[in-house]
Structure formats: structure tokens, C-alpha cells
Amino acid sequence: MSDKDNFYNKLKIQLDDTTDFPADYLYKFIVPASENQVTEVESIFNNTAAVINKKNSKTGKYVSVSIILKLNSSDEIIAYYRKVEKIKGIISL
């Protein structure tokens, strides 16, 4: 099993133990500002009623993206992480 799979398995257990679903979940990402990665992140959460906030870094090289989304299960939360992790240069917090 890969490190990512281990991470997501532990996250699922933690979420199931501490969260009553449906629940608002906060995603936080650091995204390079140089290409279209911010747009890619936004497109993953299109048509979901997500609240998306963006803030540029002081140097302008990165954008902090915070997303609040109401989800029904830990599996849904992890599914979005798996979609976003495919974006080049993204850092999940």
C-alpha cells in the first residue's frame, strides 16, 4: 500500500470518528500562480455550491485557495483530495 493510500485510510478513520455528516469541510491548498492551476482547482469544485476564497502570496508566486463545501461522507472528502492531487505543483494543507 502506498503512502498516499495509508494517509487517506487514516484520514477516513479520523473523519468518521470526529465528524457528523453531512458537514462543512474546509480544504486548503497552495497553488503556483504561474499557470492555470487555480482555474483547475476551481473547475473541480464547479457546480457544488462551494465557497472559494483566494489570496495571493506576498511574492505573487503562489495562491492560497480555501474551499468550504458541505459533504455527506468521508469518502466524498477523500474523493475531492484525490482529484486535486493530480494538479501539477499543488500542496494540500
Protein backbone atom coordinates (compact mmCIF):
# COMPACT_ATOMS: atom_id res chain seq x y z
CA MET A 1 0.00 0.00 0.00
CA SER A 2 1.35 3.42 -0.95
CA ASP A 3 1.98 6.29 1.45
CA LYS A 4 -0.94 8.18 -0.09
CA ASP A 5 -3.26 5.21 0.46
CA ASN A 6 -2.11 4.97 4.09
CA PHE A 7 -2.68 8.71 4.53
CA TYR A 8 -6.20 8.53 3.10
CA ASN A 9 -7.07 5.44 5.17
CA LYS A 10 -6.01 7.25 8.37
CA LEU A 11 -7.86 10.40 7.30
CA LYS A 12 -11.04 8.37 6.68
CA ILE A 13 -10.85 6.84 10.15
CA GLN A 14 -10.28 10.26 11.76
CA LEU A 15 -13.12 11.86 9.83
CA ASP A 16 -15.53 9.04 10.64
CA ASP A 17 -14.62 9.25 14.34
CA THR A 18 -14.87 13.04 14.67
CA THR A 19 -17.42 14.27 12.12
CA ASP A 20 -21.20 14.08 11.97
CA PHE A 21 -22.20 14.07 8.30
CA PRO A 22 -23.40 15.96 6.39
CA ALA A 23 -20.81 18.54 7.38
CA ASP A 24 -18.97 21.56 6.05
CA TYR A 25 -15.37 20.65 5.22
CA LEU A 26 -12.53 23.12 4.72
CA TYR A 27 -9.96 22.33 2.04
CA LYS A 28 -6.78 24.43 1.94
CA PHE A 29 -4.35 24.37 -0.95
CA ILE A 30 -1.25 26.27 -2.00
CA VAL A 31 -1.18 26.60 -5.77
CA PRO A 32 1.50 28.03 -8.08
CA ALA A 33 0.24 31.25 -9.64
CA SER A 34 2.31 30.93 -12.81
CA GLU A 35 0.00 28.68 -14.84
CA ASN A 36 -3.69 27.78 -14.74
CA GLN A 37 -3.64 25.60 -11.60
CA VAL A 38 -6.03 27.89 -9.70
CA THR A 39 -8.55 27.51 -12.52
CA GLU A 40 -8.06 23.73 -12.42
CA VAL A 41 -8.84 23.67 -8.68
CA GLU A 42 -11.91 25.84 -9.18
CA SER A 43 -13.16 23.61 -12.01
CA ILE A 44 -13.08 20.54 -9.74
CA PHE A 45 -15.45 22.31 -7.33
CA ASN A 46 -17.70 23.87 -10.02
CA ASN A 47 -21.45 23.33 -9.54
CA THR A 48 -21.01 22.17 -5.93
CA ALA A 49 -22.12 25.30 -4.03
CA ALA A 50 -18.58 25.52 -2.64
CA VAL A 51 -17.36 28.78 -1.14
CA ILE A 52 -13.93 29.50 -2.63
CA ASN A 53 -11.55 32.15 -1.28
CA LYS A 54 -8.19 33.01 -2.85
CA LYS A 55 -5.29 35.02 -1.52
CA ASN A 56 -2.06 35.81 -3.34
CA SER A 57 1.26 35.33 -1.56
CA LYS A 58 3.42 38.39 -0.87
CA THR A 59 5.72 37.48 -3.76
CA GLY A 60 2.86 36.64 -6.11
CA LYS A 61 4.33 33.20 -6.89
CA TYR A 62 1.58 31.28 -5.08
CA VAL A 63 -2.12 31.49 -4.36
CA SER A 64 -3.73 30.17 -1.20
CA VAL A 65 -7.07 28.60 -2.05
CA SER A 66 -9.58 27.83 0.72
CA ILE A 67 -12.73 25.92 -0.13
CA ILE A 68 -15.68 25.20 2.13
CA LEU A 69 -18.04 22.52 0.90
CA LYS A 70 -20.89 20.59 2.54
CA LEU A 71 -20.27 16.86 2.08
CA ASN A 72 -22.09 13.71 3.12
CA SER A 73 -19.26 11.30 3.93
CA SER A 74 -15.53 10.89 4.48
CA ASP A 75 -15.40 9.09 1.13
CA GLU A 76 -16.61 12.25 -0.63
CA ILE A 77 -13.96 14.35 1.13
CA ILE A 78 -11.21 11.97 0.07
CA ALA A 79 -12.53 11.76 -3.50
CA TYR A 80 -12.01 15.53 -3.89
CA TYR A 81 -8.49 15.29 -2.45
CA ARG A 82 -7.69 12.56 -4.99
CA LYS A 83 -8.94 14.73 -7.87
CA VAL A 84 -6.98 17.78 -6.72
CA GLU A 85 -3.73 15.91 -6.07
CA LYS A 86 -3.38 15.35 -9.83
CA ILE A 87 -2.83 19.10 -10.39
CA LYS A 88 0.81 19.95 -11.02
CA GLY A 89 2.56 21.74 -8.15
CA ILE A 90 -0.36 21.79 -5.74
CA ILE A 91 0.18 21.44 -1.99
CA SER A 92 -2.68 20.23 0.22
CA LEU A 93 -2.70 21.55 3.77
